[in-house]
């Protein structure tokens, strides 16, 4: 009996020791994080909205993380090339992704997406929110969003709107409005938001859903008239501009955002650390001012809140893709 007891005791000690080793191995990657350079990928051309936000965050976060952060542009497929690269990276916290709301939209509309839009990523925090403005040129006959929709209903498929291209958020936002109000518009895709905005000024298209960054100053200068904002609440810079929700489409909401993610299965201590670093960066007055100057509302989220946002938007765009028969080859 003594021999059996001793054998059992030895076995228990071995099991306990193995458990401690495995636990130490599991914790090792998180201890001392970060201890080397961190890469932040973003999927759009250098100098664009997402690239600028990535660089603003990276420059501030490397101060408190104590390690260099390099931002790399990997443009293509509405950010999907960068997203695919990060999704396949080691989940060690050294390869991150700054991405916009184009991520769930593209994932829902494209036919050949090489990653799972929600599940192949660890969601860290949104950094900046911004809605879209439904806008017309200043001398347009449309004074309200209701007037625009009333005419569109009377002339199905004749009122033209510009977008940054097929499948862009500017495209899907108007298609969602049309789908929810049973209204048909004529889509005129451009190669980017800037030429689409110019198309409104030249009269080639009647209206646009534009991001707050490039359109806000031009509304204030009198070039454009804002008819509605796509968020659930009025935008602080334009308190007199009503929401789509309160005027023509109850429940309507399209909020664009830019945030930080990583590969799936990142250790929770690293996720928590990065979430805290994003929030600290957003609280720095200079960072906040720069993001606000871009038309954004600098505001962090929990990882779960960001995941829920991406999931809800993905389902919204999948539903639209099916009902409006929109897809990207």
Protein backbone atom coordinates (compact mmCIF):
# COMPACT_ATOMS: atom_id res chain seq x y z
CA UNK A 1 0.00 0.00 0.00
CA UNK A 2 2.86 2.32 0.87
CA UNK A 3 4.42 1.63 -2.55
CA UNK A 4 1.15 2.40 -4.30
CA UNK A 5 0.68 5.61 -2.32
CA UNK A 6 4.20 6.73 -3.15
CA UNK A 7 3.65 5.95 -6.85
CA UNK A 8 0.39 7.89 -6.80
CA UNK A 9 2.14 10.80 -5.11
CA UNK A 10 4.95 10.79 -7.69
CA UNK A 11 2.40 10.67 -10.52
CA UNK A 12 0.50 13.61 -9.03
CA UNK A 13 3.71 15.63 -8.72
CA UNK A 14 4.61 14.86 -12.35
CA UNK A 15 1.17 15.93 -13.57
CA UNK A 16 1.32 19.10 -11.49
CA UNK A 17 4.81 19.89 -12.80
CA UNK A 18 3.71 19.37 -16.39
CA UNK A 19 0.74 21.67 -15.76
CA UNK A 20 3.05 24.37 -14.40
CA UNK A 21 5.34 24.04 -17.42
CA UNK A 22 2.42 24.30 -19.85
CA UNK A 23 1.03 27.26 -17.93
CA UNK A 24 4.40 28.99 -18.02
CA UNK A 25 4.69 28.32 -21.74
CA UNK A 26 1.23 29.76 -22.32
CA UNK A 27 2.06 32.88 -20.32
CA UNK A 28 5.54 33.34 -21.80
CA UNK A 29 4.45 35.20 -24.96
CA UNK A 30 2.56 37.75 -22.87
CA UNK A 31 5.32 38.42 -20.35
CA UNK A 32 7.41 41.43 -21.25
CA UNK A 33 5.16 42.31 -24.19
CA UNK A 34 6.18 44.07 -26.31
CA UNK A 35 9.89 43.36 -26.59
CA UNK A 36 10.37 43.98 -30.31
CA UNK A 37 9.04 46.01 -33.22
CA UNK A 38 5.28 45.98 -33.90
CA UNK A 39 3.93 46.09 -37.45
CA UNK A 40 0.61 47.77 -38.22
CA UNK A 41 -0.77 46.94 -41.65
CA UNK A 42 -3.44 48.96 -43.40
CA UNK A 43 -5.00 48.13 -46.74
CA UNK A 44 -5.23 51.47 -48.56
CA UNK A 45 -2.85 53.80 -50.45
CA UNK A 46 -0.49 55.90 -48.30
CA UNK A 47 -1.88 59.30 -47.37
CA UNK A 48 -5.51 58.18 -47.22
CA UNK A 49 -7.85 58.34 -44.26
CA UNK A 50 -7.01 54.88 -42.86
CA UNK A 51 -3.27 55.34 -43.36
CA UNK A 52 -3.28 58.68 -41.54
CA UNK A 53 -5.23 57.28 -38.58
CA UNK A 54 -2.88 54.28 -38.38
CA UNK A 55 0.14 56.61 -38.26
CA UNK A 56 -1.43 58.90 -35.67
CA UNK A 57 -2.20 55.94 -33.40
CA UNK A 58 1.13 54.22 -34.03
CA UNK A 59 3.15 57.34 -33.25
CA UNK A 60 1.36 57.80 -29.93
CA UNK A 61 1.19 54.15 -28.87
CA UNK A 62 4.90 53.51 -29.39
CA UNK A 63 5.60 56.15 -26.71
CA UNK A 64 3.75 54.22 -24.02
CA UNK A 65 4.47 50.70 -25.29
CA UNK A 66 8.18 51.46 -25.38
CA UNK A 67 8.73 49.79 -28.75
CA UNK A 68 8.91 51.03 -32.32
CA UNK A 69 5.76 50.72 -34.42
CA UNK A 70 5.98 50.71 -38.20
CA UNK A 71 2.89 51.27 -40.38
CA UNK A 72 2.87 49.37 -43.67
CA UNK A 73 0.48 50.05 -46.54
CA UNK A 74 -0.75 46.95 -48.39
CA UNK A 75 -3.44 48.42 -50.66
CA UNK A 76 -5.93 46.42 -52.65
CA UNK A 77 -9.44 44.95 -52.67
CA UNK A 78 -10.95 47.51 -50.27
CA UNK A 79 -8.41 46.58 -47.61
CA UNK A 80 -8.83 42.82 -48.03
CA UNK A 81 -5.19 42.14 -48.97
CA UNK A 82 -3.93 43.59 -45.70
CA UNK A 83 -6.70 41.83 -43.77
CA UNK A 84 -5.78 38.48 -45.32
CA UNK A 85 -2.12 38.97 -44.42
CA UNK A 86 -2.93 39.77 -40.80
CA UNK A 87 -5.46 36.93 -40.52
CA UNK A 88 -2.65 34.49 -41.44
CA UNK A 89 -0.09 36.02 -39.06
CA UNK A 90 1.00 34.69 -35.68
CA UNK A 91 -1.40 35.91 -32.96
CA UNK A 92 1.44 37.24 -30.82
CA UNK A 93 0.53 40.95 -30.86
CA UNK A 94 3.35 41.96 -33.19
CA UNK A 95 1.26 42.13 -36.37
CA UNK A 96 -1.81 44.33 -36.14
CA UNK A 97 -4.35 45.75 -38.57
CA UNK A 98 -5.93 49.18 -38.78
CA UNK A 99 -9.12 48.78 -40.78
CA UNK A 100 -12.31 50.68 -41.62
CA UNK A 101 -15.98 49.76 -41.95
CA UNK A 102 -15.25 48.73 -45.55
CA UNK A 103 -14.09 45.43 -44.00
CA UNK A 104 -17.54 43.96 -43.24
CA UNK A 105 -19.05 45.56 -46.35
CA UNK A 106 -16.48 44.07 -48.71
CA UNK A 107 -16.65 40.76 -46.91
CA UNK A 108 -20.41 40.59 -47.44
CA UNK A 109 -20.41 41.70 -51.08
CA UNK A 110 -17.30 40.05 -52.54
CA UNK A 111 -17.56 36.54 -53.94
CA UNK A 112 -14.04 35.34 -53.15
CA UNK A 113 -13.06 36.49 -49.67
CA UNK A 114 -10.09 34.51 -48.36
CA UNK A 115 -10.83 34.96 -44.67
CA UNK A 116 -13.73 34.85 -42.24
CA UNK A 117 -14.79 38.45 -41.79
CA UNK A 118 -15.46 38.21 -38.05
CA UNK A 119 -13.93 35.00 -36.72
CA UNK A 120 -10.46 35.24 -38.27
CA UNK A 121 -9.63 38.36 -36.25
CA UNK A 122 -9.14 39.48 -32.67
CA UNK A 123 -11.01 42.74 -32.21
CA UNK A 124 -9.17 45.31 -30.09
CA UNK A 125 -10.89 48.72 -30.27
CA UNK A 126 -12.52 51.19 -32.60
CA UNK A 127 -10.59 54.47 -32.65
CA UNK A 128 -12.82 56.88 -34.56
CA UNK A 129 -16.45 56.93 -35.68
CA UNK A 130 -17.97 59.04 -38.43
CA UNK A 131 -21.27 58.98 -40.31
CA UNK A 132 -21.98 59.92 -43.91
CA UNK A 133 -23.69 63.05 -45.15
CA UNK A 134 -26.32 62.85 -47.88
CA UNK A 135 -25.37 65.99 -49.78
CA UNK A 136 -26.27 67.97 -52.91
CA UNK A 137 -24.67 71.04 -54.43
CA UNK A 138 -25.72 74.30 -52.85
CA UNK A 139 -28.04 75.42 -55.66
CA UNK A 140 -29.82 72.05 -55.94
CA UNK A 141 -33.60 72.05 -56.10
CA UNK A 142 -33.57 69.59 -53.21
CA UNK A 143 -33.81 71.31 -49.86
CA UNK A 144 -34.63 68.21 -47.78
CA UNK A 145 -34.03 64.48 -47.94
CA UNK A 146 -37.80 63.97 -48.22
CA UNK A 147 -37.95 66.10 -51.36
CA UNK A 148 -35.17 64.02 -52.90
CA UNK A 149 -36.89 60.72 -52.08
CA UNK A 150 -40.29 61.97 -53.23
CA UNK A 151 -38.88 62.83 -56.65
CA UNK A 152 -36.97 59.57 -56.83
CA UNK A 153 -40.17 57.64 -56.15
CA UNK A 154 -41.95 59.61 -58.87
CA UNK A 155 -39.10 58.96 -61.32
CA UNK A 156 -37.74 55.48 -60.44
CA UNK A 157 -34.14 54.93 -61.50
CA UNK A 158 -33.62 58.45 -62.85
CA UNK A 159 -32.03 60.39 -59.99
CA UNK A 160 -28.28 59.78 -60.13
CA UNK A 161 -25.86 59.45 -57.25
CA UNK A 162 -22.08 59.16 -57.29
CA UNK A 163 -19.90 56.78 -55.30
CA UNK A 164 -16.27 55.81 -54.91
CA UNK A 165 -16.91 52.64 -56.92
CA UNK A 166 -19.02 49.50 -57.04
CA UNK A 167 -19.15 47.91 -53.60
CA UNK A 168 -17.73 50.95 -51.82
CA UNK A 169 -19.38 52.10 -48.60
CA UNK A 170 -20.61 55.19 -50.45
CA UNK A 171 -22.37 52.87 -52.90
CA UNK A 172 -23.84 50.47 -50.36
CA UNK A 173 -25.05 53.27 -48.07
CA UNK A 174 -27.29 54.72 -50.79
CA UNK A 175 -28.41 51.26 -51.87
CA UNK A 176 -29.39 50.51 -48.28
CA UNK A 177 -31.38 53.75 -48.20
CA UNK A 178 -33.10 52.78 -51.44
CA UNK A 179 -33.79 49.27 -50.18
CA UNK A 180 -35.33 50.48 -46.92
CA UNK A 181 -37.46 53.17 -48.57
CA UNK A 182 -38.38 51.12 -51.67
CA UNK A 183 -36.75 53.75 -53.87
CA UNK A 184 -34.61 53.20 -56.97
CA UNK A 185 -31.69 55.44 -57.88
CA UNK A 186 -29.19 55.32 -60.75
CA UNK A 187 -25.69 54.51 -59.52
CA UNK A 188 -22.74 56.28 -61.17
CA UNK A 189 -19.46 54.80 -59.88
CA UNK A 190 -16.27 56.88 -59.89
CA UNK A 191 -12.67 55.97 -59.15
CA UNK A 192 -12.66 57.36 -55.66
CA UNK A 193 -14.66 59.70 -53.46
CA UNK A 194 -13.01 62.94 -54.65
CA UNK A 195 -14.12 62.61 -58.29
CA UNK A 196 -17.59 61.54 -57.12
CA UNK A 197 -17.86 64.75 -55.09
CA UNK A 198 -16.75 66.70 -58.16
CA UNK A 199 -19.46 64.91 -60.12
CA UNK A 200 -22.08 66.46 -57.85
CA UNK A 201 -20.64 69.94 -58.39
CA UNK A 202 -20.59 69.56 -62.17
CA UNK A 203 -24.16 68.28 -62.20
CA UNK A 204 -23.25 64.86 -63.60
CA UNK A 205 -24.95 63.30 -60.57
CA UNK A 206 -27.69 64.64 -58.31
CA UNK A 207 -26.38 63.69 -54.89
CA UNK A 208 -23.86 61.68 -52.92
CA UNK A 209 -23.38 59.97 -49.57
CA UNK A 210 -19.99 61.39 -48.57
CA UNK A 211 -17.78 60.80 -45.56
CA UNK A 212 -17.64 63.69 -43.12
CA UNK A 213 -13.90 64.24 -43.62
CA UNK A 214 -13.86 65.49 -47.23
CA UNK A 215 -17.36 67.00 -47.32
CA UNK A 216 -17.69 68.86 -43.99
CA UNK A 217 -15.56 71.89 -44.88
CA UNK A 218 -17.24 72.17 -48.27
CA UNK A 219 -20.67 72.19 -46.66
CA UNK A 220 -19.50 74.92 -44.29
CA UNK A 221 -18.03 76.93 -47.19
CA UNK A 222 -21.36 76.87 -49.02
CA UNK A 223 -20.43 74.57 -51.94
CA UNK A 224 -22.76 71.81 -50.77
CA UNK A 225 -26.00 71.46 -48.84
CA UNK A 226 -26.34 68.60 -46.37
CA UNK A 227 -29.77 66.96 -46.46
CA UNK A 228 -29.29 64.26 -43.84
CA UNK A 229 -26.76 62.40 -41.76
CA UNK A 230 -26.67 58.58 -41.73
CA UNK A 231 -25.95 58.08 -38.02
CA UNK A 232 -28.62 57.46 -35.40
CA UNK A 233 -27.92 60.84 -33.81
CA UNK A 234 -27.24 64.26 -35.30
CA UNK A 235 -23.61 65.10 -35.98
CA UNK A 236 -22.18 67.69 -33.53
CA UNK A 237 -20.65 69.78 -36.34
CA UNK A 238 -24.04 70.04 -38.07
CA UNK A 239 -26.72 70.03 -35.35
CA UNK A 240 -29.36 71.41 -37.74
CA UNK A 241 -28.97 68.56 -40.23
CA UNK A 242 -31.51 65.80 -39.45
CA UNK A 243 -30.79 62.09 -39.50
CA UNK A 244 -32.15 59.73 -42.14
CA UNK A 245 -33.69 57.82 -39.24
CA UNK A 246 -35.80 60.75 -38.03
CA UNK A 247 -36.94 61.85 -41.48
CA UNK A 248 -37.48 59.18 -44.13
CA UNK A 249 -36.33 55.77 -42.87
CA UNK A 250 -36.90 54.88 -39.20
CA UNK A 251 -34.17 52.58 -37.94
CA UNK A 252 -31.71 53.54 -40.67
CA UNK A 253 -28.10 53.78 -39.52
CA UNK A 254 -24.76 53.60 -41.28
CA UNK A 255 -21.80 54.55 -39.14
CA UNK A 256 -18.35 54.34 -40.58
CA UNK A 257 -15.38 53.70 -38.33
CA UNK A 258 -11.68 52.95 -38.21
CA UNK A 259 -10.24 50.64 -35.60
CA UNK A 260 -7.54 48.18 -34.56
CA UNK A 261 -7.58 44.38 -34.82
CA UNK A 262 -5.19 41.45 -34.94
CA UNK A 263 -5.20 37.77 -35.93
CA UNK A 264 -7.64 35.46 -34.21
CA UNK A 265 -6.68 33.88 -30.87
CA UNK A 266 -4.44 36.63 -29.51
CA UNK A 267 -3.76 36.17 -25.76
CA UNK A 268 -6.19 38.12 -23.62
CA UNK A 269 -3.49 39.94 -21.62
CA UNK A 270 -2.06 41.34 -24.88
CA UNK A 271 -5.51 42.29 -26.16
CA UNK A 272 -6.29 44.05 -22.89
CA UNK A 273 -2.95 45.86 -23.01
CA UNK A 274 -3.49 47.05 -26.58
CA UNK A 275 -7.06 48.08 -25.87
CA UNK A 276 -5.81 50.21 -23.01
CA UNK A 277 -3.07 51.73 -25.18
CA UNK A 278 -5.57 52.70 -27.90
CA UNK A 279 -7.78 54.35 -25.30
CA UNK A 280 -4.81 56.20 -23.80
CA UNK A 281 -3.79 57.45 -27.23
CA UNK A 282 -7.32 58.71 -27.95
CA UNK A 283 -7.29 60.67 -24.69
CA UNK A 284 -4.20 62.67 -25.74
CA UNK A 285 -5.46 66.15 -26.75
CA UNK A 286 -3.28 66.34 -29.88
CA UNK A 287 -4.45 62.93 -31.11
CA UNK A 288 -8.07 63.76 -30.39
CA UNK A 289 -7.78 67.10 -32.23
CA UNK A 290 -6.20 65.48 -35.29
CA UNK A 291 -8.93 62.84 -35.54
CA UNK A 292 -11.66 65.42 -35.05
CA UNK A 293 -10.10 67.56 -37.79
CA UNK A 294 -10.60 64.57 -40.10
CA UNK A 295 -14.32 64.64 -39.33
CA UNK A 296 -14.21 61.82 -36.81
CA UNK A 297 -15.52 61.20 -33.31
CA UNK A 298 -12.50 59.74 -31.44
CA UNK A 299 -13.91 57.09 -29.15
CA UNK A 300 -12.63 53.72 -27.98
CA UNK A 301 -14.62 50.52 -27.45
CA UNK A 302 -14.15 47.24 -25.66
CA UNK A 303 -13.03 44.28 -27.81
CA UNK A 304 -16.50 42.74 -27.46
CA UNK A 305 -18.18 45.99 -28.53
CA UNK A 306 -16.03 46.16 -31.65
CA UNK A 307 -16.71 42.53 -32.51
CA UNK A 308 -20.45 43.12 -32.11
CA UNK A 309 -20.27 46.19 -34.36
CA UNK A 310 -18.45 44.29 -37.11
CA UNK A 311 -20.85 41.35 -36.82
CA UNK A 312 -23.95 43.54 -37.05
CA UNK A 313 -22.64 45.48 -40.03
CA UNK A 314 -21.62 42.27 -41.79
CA UNK A 315 -25.15 40.91 -41.41
CA UNK A 316 -26.64 44.22 -42.64
CA UNK A 317 -24.54 44.17 -45.81
CA UNK A 318 -25.18 40.45 -46.42
CA UNK A 319 -28.91 41.11 -46.25
CA UNK A 320 -28.57 44.04 -48.66
CA UNK A 321 -26.43 41.97 -51.05
CA UNK A 322 -29.15 39.33 -51.21
CA UNK A 323 -32.12 41.67 -51.48
CA UNK A 324 -30.60 44.20 -53.90
CA UNK A 325 -28.55 41.62 -55.82
CA UNK A 326 -25.27 43.49 -55.32
CA UNK A 327 -21.94 41.66 -55.49
CA UNK A 328 -18.28 42.25 -56.25
CA UNK A 329 -16.52 39.77 -58.51
